[in-house]
Amino acid sequence: MAERRTSIRQHRGRGMATKSRYQAPALTKGLEILELLASATAPLTMSDISIALERSISEIFRMLQVLEEHRYIVRSEEGYRLTNRLFALSMGQPPVRDLVSTAVPVMRGLARRIGQSCHLAVVSGAEMVVIAGVDSPGLSGFAVRVGYRRPLHRSASGRILLAFQSSETRAAMLEDVRATGDEVGLRALTTQLDAITAGGGGTSPSPVLTGIIDLSVPVLSLNVARAALTIPFVDGPGSHVGLDESQGALREAANTIADQLTPVIRVATTRPNEDEDKEMVP
């Protein structure tokens, strides 16, 4: 309940306040509801939504019904929450689809080689979101589910996505994080991101479980992180590959994915006899 009240307070008055030239009130209400539920850490009741958006129950009732009928939201005893329909729609876009279809075979090879799970994450607003994952091949292990989200500055994958950006893009991304109301220790974070950039990747204890070390590197495109490839490394008697070797294999996998995503630029060749037909000019 405390988490729900915090989400409502943070969102209240922060909605789609920018005045548009064109008005579509019903669409605006629907988008406000989706954005609110996306930012919530727990299901929200109709009353919660009404308070957060500063709209009456009658204004949002029909919109909730339509969104539920179209499977964008689902209702339970606790309240309304998003389904994964929006996520599934975004995954169908060519850039994301190409990234996943290219990365997954490489990730499977990586998981077999080191005996650990791995996952691929991209930027989604002020968060990172996992778009692909491969479980460890053994009988036991730890894996992060597809669709998992976490603030950019609070995860190994997110810090990789922040670190390998231009200074302007990084500043804009951090502004998105601050806009959520989350505290950002900018000086310490900048030092951390610069160290990650210098080292070509990051290693940090998992924020979720003790005993797990997150190894994360960028999948680069023109020196910018298009995605982050991460191994939640579980050490122990069952680990047949050590931390250093796993880190090396992770870098190789990320480079392979990046190489396969890079378009081949073919230089136009001259016709076989073209040069012979030209006269030499002194």
C-alpha atoms as a PDB file:
ATOM      1  CA  MET A   1       0.000   0.000   0.000  1.00  0.00           C
ATOM      2  CA  ALA A   2       2.883   2.373   0.818  1.00  0.00           C
ATOM      3  CA  GLU A   3       4.453   1.676  -2.586  1.00  0.00           C
ATOM      4  CA  ARG A   4       1.123   2.402  -4.265  1.00  0.00           C
ATOM      5  CA  ARG A   5       0.751   5.764  -2.472  1.00  0.00           C
ATOM      6  CA  THR A   6       4.325   6.715  -3.396  1.00  0.00           C
ATOM      7  CA  SER A   7       3.667   5.982  -7.092  1.00  0.00           C
ATOM      8  CA  ILE A   8       0.528   8.112  -7.018  1.00  0.00           C
ATOM      9  CA  ARG A   9       2.280  11.056  -5.327  1.00  0.00           C
ATOM     10  CA  GLN A  10       5.195  10.922  -7.757  1.00  0.00           C
ATOM     11  CA  HIS A  11       2.928  10.809 -10.798  1.00  0.00           C
ATOM     12  CA  ARG A  12       0.334  13.372  -9.708  1.00  0.00           C
ATOM     13  CA  GLY A  13       0.560  16.527 -11.774  1.00  0.00           C
ATOM     14  CA  ARG A  14       3.388  15.091 -13.874  1.00  0.00           C
ATOM     15  CA  GLY A  15       1.193  13.680 -16.621  1.00  0.00           C
ATOM     16  CA  MET A  16       0.819  14.917 -20.163  1.00  0.00           C
ATOM     17  CA  ALA A  17       0.812  18.571 -19.200  1.00  0.00           C
ATOM     18  CA  THR A  18       2.223  19.924 -22.467  1.00  0.00           C
ATOM     19  CA  LYS A  19      -0.530  21.635 -24.438  1.00  0.00           C
ATOM     20  CA  SER A  20      -0.894  20.236 -27.937  1.00  0.00           C
ATOM     21  CA  ARG A  21      -2.197  21.975 -31.031  1.00  0.00           C
ATOM     22  CA  TYR A  22      -4.540  19.064 -31.599  1.00  0.00           C
ATOM     23  CA  GLN A  23      -6.865  17.684 -28.965  1.00  0.00           C
ATOM     24  CA  ALA A  24      -7.987  14.054 -28.659  1.00  0.00           C
ATOM     25  CA  PRO A  25      -9.374  13.836 -25.102  1.00  0.00           C
ATOM     26  CA  ALA A  26     -10.206  10.131 -25.112  1.00  0.00           C
ATOM     27  CA  LEU A  27      -6.778   9.178 -26.460  1.00  0.00           C
ATOM     28  CA  THR A  28      -5.105  11.473 -23.937  1.00  0.00           C
ATOM     29  CA  LYS A  29      -6.934   9.783 -21.056  1.00  0.00           C
ATOM     30  CA  GLY A  30      -5.957   6.337 -22.321  1.00  0.00           C
ATOM     31  CA  LEU A  31      -2.293   7.264 -22.667  1.00  0.00           C
ATOM     32  CA  GLU A  32      -2.268   8.856 -19.208  1.00  0.00           C
ATOM     33  CA  ILE A  33      -3.640   5.643 -17.707  1.00  0.00           C
ATOM     34  CA  LEU A  34      -1.047   3.500 -19.493  1.00  0.00           C
ATOM     35  CA  GLU A  35       1.817   5.779 -18.415  1.00  0.00           C
ATOM     36  CA  LEU A  36       0.584   5.782 -14.817  1.00  0.00           C
ATOM     37  CA  LEU A  37       0.310   1.988 -14.654  1.00  0.00           C
ATOM     38  CA  ALA A  38       3.734   1.636 -16.291  1.00  0.00           C
ATOM     39  CA  SER A  39       5.295   3.754 -13.530  1.00  0.00           C
ATOM     40  CA  ALA A  40       3.425   2.019 -10.686  1.00  0.00           C
ATOM     41  CA  THR A  41       5.182  -0.558  -8.526  1.00  0.00           C
ATOM     42  CA  ALA A  42       1.887  -2.240  -7.554  1.00  0.00           C
ATOM     43  CA  PRO A  43      -1.593  -2.615  -9.068  1.00  0.00           C
ATOM     44  CA  LEU A  44      -3.758   0.514  -8.822  1.00  0.00           C
ATOM     45  CA  THR A  45      -7.469   0.689  -8.080  1.00  0.00           C
ATOM     46  CA  MET A  46      -9.837   2.892 -10.063  1.00  0.00           C
ATOM     47  CA  SER A  47      -9.799   5.339  -7.158  1.00  0.00           C
ATOM     48  CA  ASP A  48      -5.984   5.406  -7.167  1.00  0.00           C
ATOM     49  CA  ILE A  49      -5.964   6.191 -10.888  1.00  0.00           C
ATOM     50  CA  SER A  50      -8.605   8.881 -10.469  1.00  0.00           C
ATOM     51  CA  ILE A  51      -6.580  10.615  -7.738  1.00  0.00           C
ATOM     52  CA  ALA A  52      -3.243  10.374  -9.552  1.00  0.00           C
ATOM     53  CA  LEU A  53      -4.605  11.740 -12.839  1.00  0.00           C
ATOM     54  CA  GLU A  54      -6.912  14.266 -11.127  1.00  0.00           C
ATOM     55  CA  ARG A  55      -9.841  12.992 -13.155  1.00  0.00           C
ATOM     56  CA  SER A  56     -13.238  11.820 -12.018  1.00  0.00           C
ATOM     57  CA  ILE A  57     -14.204   8.147 -11.819  1.00  0.00           C
ATOM     58  CA  SER A  58     -16.745   8.672 -14.609  1.00  0.00           C
ATOM     59  CA  GLU A  59     -14.001  10.072 -16.886  1.00  0.00           C
ATOM     60  CA  ILE A  60     -11.779   7.019 -16.609  1.00  0.00           C
ATOM     61  CA  PHE A  61     -14.325   4.209 -16.170  1.00  0.00           C
ATOM     62  CA  ARG A  62     -15.037   3.616 -19.865  1.00  0.00           C
ATOM     63  CA  MET A  63     -11.394   4.021 -20.817  1.00  0.00           C
ATOM     64  CA  LEU A  64     -10.394   1.324 -18.317  1.00  0.00           C
ATOM     65  CA  GLN A  65     -13.027  -0.973 -19.792  1.00  0.00           C
ATOM     66  CA  VAL A  66     -11.751  -0.432 -23.346  1.00  0.00           C
ATOM     67  CA  LEU A  67      -8.100  -0.908 -22.377  1.00  0.00           C
ATOM     68  CA  GLU A  68      -9.025  -4.121 -20.574  1.00  0.00           C
ATOM     69  CA  GLU A  69     -11.041  -5.414 -23.554  1.00  0.00           C
ATOM     70  CA  HIS A  70      -8.046  -4.796 -25.831  1.00  0.00           C
ATOM     71  CA  ARG A  71      -5.755  -6.591 -23.330  1.00  0.00           C
ATOM     72  CA  TYR A  72      -3.516  -3.618 -22.592  1.00  0.00           C
ATOM     73  CA  ILE A  73      -4.407  -3.841 -18.892  1.00  0.00           C
ATOM     74  CA  VAL A  74      -5.789  -6.542 -16.611  1.00  0.00           C
ATOM     75  CA  ARG A  75      -7.833  -6.263 -13.423  1.00  0.00           C
ATOM     76  CA  SER A  76      -7.358  -8.306 -10.264  1.00  0.00           C
ATOM     77  CA  GLU A  77      -8.536  -8.010  -6.672  1.00  0.00           C
ATOM     78  CA  GLU A  78      -5.647  -5.611  -5.963  1.00  0.00           C
ATOM     79  CA  GLY A  79      -6.404  -3.336  -8.908  1.00  0.00           C
ATOM     80  CA  TYR A  80      -5.324  -2.707 -12.492  1.00  0.00           C
ATOM     81  CA  ARG A  81      -1.899  -3.416 -13.974  1.00  0.00           C
ATOM     82  CA  LEU A  82      -0.337  -3.474 -17.431  1.00  0.00           C
ATOM     83  CA  THR A  83      -0.163  -6.669 -19.449  1.00  0.00           C
ATOM     84  CA  ASN A  84       2.846  -7.375 -21.695  1.00  0.00           C
ATOM     85  CA  ARG A  85       0.885  -6.410 -24.829  1.00  0.00           C
ATOM     86  CA  LEU A  86       2.727  -3.102 -25.338  1.00  0.00           C
ATOM     87  CA  PHE A  87       6.031  -4.879 -24.787  1.00  0.00           C
ATOM     88  CA  ALA A  88       5.082  -7.532 -27.345  1.00  0.00           C
ATOM     89  CA  LEU A  89       4.142  -4.847 -29.887  1.00  0.00           C
ATOM     90  CA  SER A  90       7.465  -3.045 -29.414  1.00  0.00           C
ATOM     91  CA  MET A  91       9.354  -6.331 -29.764  1.00  0.00           C
ATOM     92  CA  GLY A  92       7.849  -6.700 -33.240  1.00  0.00           C
ATOM     93  CA  GLN A  93       9.596  -3.569 -34.522  1.00  0.00           C
ATOM     94  CA  PRO A  94      12.369  -4.349 -37.050  1.00  0.00           C
ATOM     95  CA  PRO A  95      15.306  -2.840 -35.049  1.00  0.00           C
ATOM     96  CA  VAL A  96      14.433  -4.780 -31.889  1.00  0.00           C
ATOM     97  CA  ARG A  97      13.474  -7.930 -33.798  1.00  0.00           C
ATOM     98  CA  ASP A  98      16.756  -7.881 -35.732  1.00  0.00           C
ATOM     99  CA  LEU A  99      18.748  -7.319 -32.548  1.00  0.00           C
ATOM    100  CA  VAL A 100      17.094 -10.221 -30.752  1.00  0.00           C
ATOM    101  CA  SER A 101      17.225 -12.619 -33.696  1.00  0.00           C
ATOM    102  CA  THR A 102      20.929 -11.840 -34.165  1.00  0.00           C
ATOM    103  CA  ALA A 103      21.845 -11.992 -30.483  1.00  0.00           C
ATOM    104  CA  VAL A 104      20.012 -15.113 -29.299  1.00  0.00           C
ATOM    105  CA  PRO A 105      22.085 -17.725 -31.217  1.00  0.00           C
ATOM    106  CA  VAL A 106      25.290 -16.073 -29.972  1.00  0.00           C
ATOM    107  CA  MET A 107      23.892 -15.960 -26.428  1.00  0.00           C
ATOM    108  CA  ARG A 108      23.063 -19.679 -26.578  1.00  0.00           C
ATOM    109  CA  GLY A 109      26.637 -20.432 -27.537  1.00  0.00           C
ATOM    110  CA  LEU A 110      27.890 -18.224 -24.698  1.00  0.00           C
ATOM    111  CA  ALA A 111      25.653 -19.985 -22.141  1.00  0.00           C
ATOM    112  CA  ARG A 112      26.872 -23.417 -23.289  1.00  0.00           C
ATOM    113  CA  ARG A 113      30.494 -22.327 -23.201  1.00  0.00           C
ATOM    114  CA  ILE A 114      30.511 -20.912 -19.666  1.00  0.00           C
ATOM    115  CA  GLY A 115      27.608 -22.772 -18.048  1.00  0.00           C
ATOM    116  CA  GLN A 116      25.884 -19.534 -16.968  1.00  0.00           C
ATOM    117  CA  SER A 117      22.763 -17.677 -18.024  1.00  0.00           C
ATOM    118  CA  CYS A 118      22.921 -14.361 -19.905  1.00  0.00           C
ATOM    119  CA  HIS A 119      20.517 -11.635 -20.925  1.00  0.00           C
ATOM    120  CA  LEU A 120      20.296  -8.680 -23.289  1.00  0.00           C
ATOM    121  CA  ALA A 121      18.894  -5.292 -22.229  1.00  0.00           C
ATOM    122  CA  VAL A 122      18.098  -1.992 -23.955  1.00  0.00           C
ATOM    123  CA  VAL A 123      17.042   1.483 -22.846  1.00  0.00           C
ATOM    124  CA  SER A 124      13.340   2.070 -22.204  1.00  0.00           C
ATOM    125  CA  GLY A 125      12.789   5.604 -20.949  1.00  0.00           C
ATOM    126  CA  ALA A 126      14.516   5.963 -17.579  1.00  0.00           C
ATOM    127  CA  GLU A 127      14.908   2.199 -17.234  1.00  0.00           C
ATOM    128  CA  MET A 128      16.647  -0.735 -18.798  1.00  0.00           C
ATOM    129  CA  VAL A 129      14.441  -3.583 -19.990  1.00  0.00           C
ATOM    130  CA  VAL A 130      15.505  -7.159 -20.708  1.00  0.00           C
ATOM    131  CA  ILE A 131      14.502  -8.136 -24.254  1.00  0.00           C
ATOM    132  CA  ALA A 132      16.153 -11.565 -24.515  1.00  0.00           C
ATOM    133  CA  GLY A 133      17.566 -14.167 -22.179  1.00  0.00           C
ATOM    134  CA  VAL A 134      19.141 -17.623 -22.271  1.00  0.00           C
ATOM    135  CA  ASP A 135      19.097 -19.919 -19.233  1.00  0.00           C
ATOM    136  CA  SER A 136      22.163 -21.754 -17.998  1.00  0.00           C
ATOM    137  CA  PRO A 137      22.442 -25.275 -19.474  1.00  0.00           C
ATOM    138  CA  GLY A 138      22.863 -26.997 -16.092  1.00  0.00           C
ATOM    139  CA  LEU A 139      20.252 -28.310 -13.705  1.00  0.00           C
ATOM    140  CA  SER A 140      20.402 -25.159 -11.581  1.00  0.00           C
ATOM    141  CA  GLY A 141      21.256 -21.510 -12.089  1.00  0.00           C
ATOM    142  CA  PHE A 142      19.996 -17.961 -11.920  1.00  0.00           C
ATOM    143  CA  ALA A 143      18.328 -16.134 -14.813  1.00  0.00           C
ATOM    144  CA  VAL A 144      16.634 -12.770 -15.337  1.00  0.00           C
ATOM    145  CA  ARG A 145      13.253 -12.939 -17.048  1.00  0.00           C
ATOM    146  CA  VAL A 146      12.431 -11.157 -20.293  1.00  0.00           C
ATOM    147  CA  GLY A 147      10.555  -7.940 -19.553  1.00  0.00           C
ATOM    148  CA  TYR A 148      12.397  -7.283 -16.273  1.00  0.00           C
ATOM    149  CA  ARG A 149      12.928  -3.548 -15.683  1.00  0.00           C
ATOM    150  CA  ARG A 150      15.144  -1.533 -13.391  1.00  0.00           C
ATOM    151  CA  PRO A 151      16.247   2.134 -13.267  1.00  0.00           C
ATOM    152  CA  LEU A 152      19.232   2.738 -15.521  1.00  0.00           C
ATOM    153  CA  HIS A 153      21.592   3.852 -12.757  1.00  0.00           C
ATOM    154  CA  ARG A 154      20.643   0.989 -10.421  1.00  0.00           C
ATOM    155  CA  SER A 155      21.615  -1.993 -12.591  1.00  0.00           C
ATOM    156  CA  ALA A 156      24.758  -3.290 -14.270  1.00  0.00           C
ATOM    157  CA  SER A 157      23.074  -3.330 -17.679  1.00  0.00           C
ATOM    158  CA  GLY A 158      21.668   0.167 -17.184  1.00  0.00           C
ATOM    159  CA  ARG A 159      25.032   1.628 -16.231  1.00  0.00           C
ATOM    160  CA  ILE A 160      26.550   0.108 -19.372  1.00  0.00           C
ATOM    161  CA  LEU A 161      23.800   1.731 -21.445  1.00  0.00           C
ATOM    162  CA  LEU A 162      24.489   5.070 -19.746  1.00  0.00           C
ATOM    163  CA  ALA A 163      28.275   4.852 -19.941  1.00  0.00           C
ATOM    164  CA  PHE A 164      28.665   4.209 -23.649  1.00  0.00           C
ATOM    165  CA  GLN A 165      26.827   7.274 -24.937  1.00  0.00           C
ATOM    166  CA  SER A 166      27.793  10.741 -26.057  1.00  0.00           C
ATOM    167  CA  SER A 167      27.914  13.289 -23.229  1.00  0.00           C
ATOM    168  CA  GLU A 168      24.749  14.963 -24.537  1.00  0.00           C
ATOM    169  CA  THR A 169      22.810  11.693 -24.738  1.00  0.00           C
ATOM    170  CA  ARG A 170      23.998  10.590 -21.302  1.00  0.00           C
ATOM    171  CA  ALA A 171      22.893  13.914 -19.786  1.00  0.00           C
ATOM    172  CA  ALA A 172      19.452  13.576 -21.392  1.00  0.00           C
ATOM    173  CA  MET A 173      19.097  10.009 -20.115  1.00  0.00           C
ATOM    174  CA  LEU A 174      20.022  11.071 -16.579  1.00  0.00           C
ATOM    175  CA  GLU A 175      17.471  13.874 -16.794  1.00  0.00           C
ATOM    176  CA  ASP A 176      14.831  11.247 -17.604  1.00  0.00           C
ATOM    177  CA  VAL A 177      15.907   9.331 -14.491  1.00  0.00           C
ATOM    178  CA  ARG A 178      15.706  12.429 -12.300  1.00  0.00           C
ATOM    179  CA  ALA A 179      12.252  13.215 -13.695  1.00  0.00           C
ATOM    180  CA  THR A 180      10.945  10.016 -12.096  1.00  0.00           C
ATOM    181  CA  GLY A 181      11.791  11.397  -8.652  1.00  0.00           C
ATOM    182  CA  ASP A 182      14.566   8.866  -8.083  1.00  0.00           C
ATOM    183  CA  GLU A 183      17.686  10.240  -6.389  1.00  0.00           C
ATOM    184  CA  VAL A 184      20.841  10.292  -8.486  1.00  0.00           C
ATOM    185  CA  GLY A 185      24.254  10.889  -6.901  1.00  0.00           C
ATOM    186  CA  LEU A 186      25.599  12.505 -10.041  1.00  0.00           C
ATOM    187  CA  ARG A 187      29.252  12.919  -9.041  1.00  0.00           C
ATOM    188  CA  ALA A 188      29.703   9.344  -7.840  1.00  0.00           C
ATOM    189  CA  LEU A 189      27.710   7.963 -10.774  1.00  0.00           C
ATOM    190  CA  THR A 190      29.756   9.924 -13.326  1.00  0.00           C
ATOM    191  CA  THR A 191      32.975   8.545 -11.829  1.00  0.00           C
ATOM    192  CA  GLN A 192      31.541   5.042 -12.013  1.00  0.00           C
ATOM    193  CA  LEU A 193      30.393   5.467 -15.623  1.00  0.00           C
ATOM    194  CA  ASP A 194      33.765   6.873 -16.702  1.00  0.00           C
ATOM    195  CA  ALA A 195      35.502   3.857 -15.132  1.00  0.00           C
ATOM    196  CA  ILE A 196      33.145   1.509 -16.979  1.00  0.00           C
ATOM    197  CA  THR A 197      33.909   3.261 -20.273  1.00  0.00           C
ATOM    198  CA  ALA A 198      37.650   3.084 -19.662  1.00  0.00           C
ATOM    199  CA  GLY A 199      37.451  -0.622 -18.799  1.00  0.00           C
ATOM    200  CA  GLY A 200      35.166  -1.536 -21.687  1.00  0.00           C
ATOM    201  CA  GLY A 201      32.565  -3.001 -19.326  1.00  0.00           C
ATOM    202  CA  GLY A 202      31.509  -3.370 -15.729  1.00  0.00           C
ATOM    203  CA  THR A 203      31.553  -5.838 -12.854  1.00  0.00           C
ATOM    204  CA  SER A 204      29.362  -5.329  -9.792  1.00  0.00           C
ATOM    205  CA  PRO A 205      27.518  -7.285  -7.103  1.00  0.00           C
ATOM    206  CA  SER A 206      23.931  -8.089  -8.046  1.00  0.00           C
ATOM    207  CA  PRO A 207      21.416  -5.642  -6.513  1.00  0.00           C
ATOM    208  CA  VAL A 208      18.890  -8.484  -6.299  1.00  0.00           C
ATOM    209  CA  LEU A 209      20.689 -11.466  -4.735  1.00  0.00           C
ATOM    210  CA  THR A 210      23.868 -11.871  -2.708  1.00  0.00           C
ATOM    211  CA  GLY A 211      26.531 -14.191  -4.101  1.00  0.00           C
ATOM    212  CA  ILE A 212      25.900 -13.154  -7.713  1.00  0.00           C
ATOM    213  CA  ILE A 213      28.279 -10.906  -9.660  1.00  0.00           C
ATOM    214  CA  ASP A 214      26.897  -9.086 -12.703  1.00  0.00           C
ATOM    215  CA  LEU A 215      29.330  -9.004 -15.631  1.00  0.00           C
ATOM    216  CA  SER A 216      28.138  -6.579 -18.286  1.00  0.00           C
ATOM    217  CA  VAL A 217      29.515  -5.235 -21.579  1.00  0.00           C
ATOM    218  CA  PRO A 218      28.086  -3.108 -24.397  1.00  0.00           C
ATOM    219  CA  VAL A 219      26.958  -4.217 -27.824  1.00  0.00           C
ATOM    220  CA  LEU A 220      28.370  -1.253 -29.718  1.00  0.00           C
ATOM    221  CA  SER A 221      27.248   0.465 -32.883  1.00  0.00           C
ATOM    222  CA  LEU A 222      29.427   3.420 -33.934  1.00  0.00           C
ATOM    223  CA  ASN A 223      30.920   3.475 -30.407  1.00  0.00           C
ATOM    224  CA  VAL A 224      27.471   3.813 -28.800  1.00  0.00           C
ATOM    225  CA  ALA A 225      25.806   1.095 -26.730  1.00  0.00           C
ATOM    226  CA  ARG A 226      22.874  -0.299 -28.657  1.00  0.00           C
ATOM    227  CA  ALA A 227      22.343  -2.931 -25.949  1.00  0.00           C
ATOM    228  CA  ALA A 228      24.006  -4.401 -22.877  1.00  0.00           C
ATOM    229  CA  LEU A 229      24.919  -8.082 -22.650  1.00  0.00           C
ATOM    230  CA  THR A 230      25.092  -9.348 -19.064  1.00  0.00           C
ATOM    231  CA  ILE A 231      25.997 -12.531 -17.204  1.00  0.00           C
ATOM    232  CA  PRO A 232      24.663 -12.864 -13.637  1.00  0.00           C
ATOM    233  CA  PHE A 233      27.700 -14.929 -12.630  1.00  0.00           C
ATOM    234  CA  VAL A 234      27.060 -17.579  -9.980  1.00  0.00           C
ATOM    235  CA  ASP A 235      30.285 -18.831  -8.413  1.00  0.00           C
ATOM    236  CA  GLY A 236      30.545 -22.146  -6.635  1.00  0.00           C
ATOM    237  CA  PRO A 237      31.525 -25.816  -6.931  1.00  0.00           C
ATOM    238  CA  GLY A 238      29.295 -26.237  -9.993  1.00  0.00           C
ATOM    239  CA  SER A 239      30.987 -23.456 -11.956  1.00  0.00           C
ATOM    240  CA  HIS A 240      33.238 -25.046 -14.558  1.00  0.00           C
ATOM    241  CA  VAL A 241      34.453 -21.700 -15.964  1.00  0.00           C
ATOM    242  CA  GLY A 242      35.952 -18.970 -13.794  1.00  0.00           C
ATOM    243  CA  LEU A 243      35.104 -15.293 -13.593  1.00  0.00           C
ATOM    244  CA  ASP A 244      37.940 -14.065 -15.819  1.00  0.00           C
ATOM    245  CA  GLU A 245      37.271 -16.603 -18.551  1.00  0.00           C
ATOM    246  CA  SER A 246      33.549 -15.826 -18.422  1.00  0.00           C
ATOM    247  CA  GLN A 247      34.322 -12.134 -18.787  1.00  0.00           C
ATOM    248  CA  GLY A 248      36.470 -12.814 -21.831  1.00  0.00           C
ATOM    249  CA  ALA A 249      33.780 -14.995 -23.408  1.00  0.00           C
ATOM    250  CA  LEU A 250      31.188 -12.270 -22.717  1.00  0.00           C
ATOM    251  CA  ARG A 251      33.260  -9.660 -24.552  1.00  0.00           C
ATOM    252  CA  GLU A 252      33.735 -11.988 -27.515  1.00  0.00           C
ATOM    253  CA  ALA A 253      29.984 -12.644 -27.691  1.00  0.00           C
ATOM    254  CA  ALA A 254      29.128  -8.925 -27.563  1.00  0.00           C
ATOM    255  CA  ASN A 255      31.650  -8.199 -30.328  1.00  0.00           C
ATOM    256  CA  THR A 256      30.219 -11.020 -32.449  1.00  0.00           C
ATOM    257  CA  ILE A 257      26.689  -9.642 -32.088  1.00  0.00           C
ATOM    258  CA  ALA A 258      27.891  -6.129 -32.935  1.00  0.00           C
ATOM    259  CA  ASP A 259      29.776  -7.373 -36.016  1.00  0.00           C
ATOM    260  CA  GLN A 260      26.743  -9.268 -37.288  1.00  0.00           C
ATOM    261  CA  LEU A 261      24.523  -6.203 -36.828  1.00  0.00           C
ATOM    262  CA  THR A 262      26.926  -3.878 -38.665  1.00  0.00           C
ATOM    263  CA  PRO A 263      25.835  -3.447 -42.302  1.00  0.00           C
ATOM    264  CA  VAL A 264      28.462  -4.344 -44.877  1.00  0.00           C
ATOM    265  CA  ILE A 265      29.273  -1.279 -46.963  1.00  0.00           C
ATOM    266  CA  ARG A 266      30.321  -2.353 -50.387  1.00  0.00           C
ATOM    267  CA  VAL A 267      32.529   0.025 -52.370  1.00  0.00           C
ATOM    268  CA  ALA A 268      31.335   0.437 -55.932  1.00  0.00           C
ATOM    269  CA  THR A 269      33.803  -1.151 -58.306  1.00  0.00           C
ATOM    270  CA  THR A 270      34.665   0.092 -61.757  1.00  0.00           C
ATOM    271  CA  ARG A 271      33.888  -1.915 -64.873  1.00  0.00           C
ATOM    272  CA  PRO A 272      36.766  -4.250 -65.859  1.00  0.00           C
ATOM    273  CA  ASN A 273      37.884  -2.208 -68.860  1.00  0.00           C
ATOM    274  CA  GLU A 274      36.876   1.214 -67.584  1.00  0.00           C
ATOM    275  CA  ASP A 275      40.411   2.314 -66.668  1.00  0.00           C
ATOM    276  CA  GLU A 276      41.818   1.028 -69.931  1.00  0.00           C
ATOM    277  CA  ASP A 277      39.409   3.240 -71.896  1.00  0.00           C
ATOM    278  CA  LYS A 278      40.525   6.409 -70.077  1.00  0.00           C
ATOM    279  CA  GLU A 279      43.297   8.478 -71.546  1.00  0.00           C
ATOM    280  CA  MET A 280      46.180   9.360 -69.276  1.00  0.00           C
ATOM    281  CA  VAL A 281      46.316  13.112 -68.713  1.00  0.00           C
ATOM    282  CA  PRO A 282      49.860  14.363 -68.094  1.00  0.00           C
END
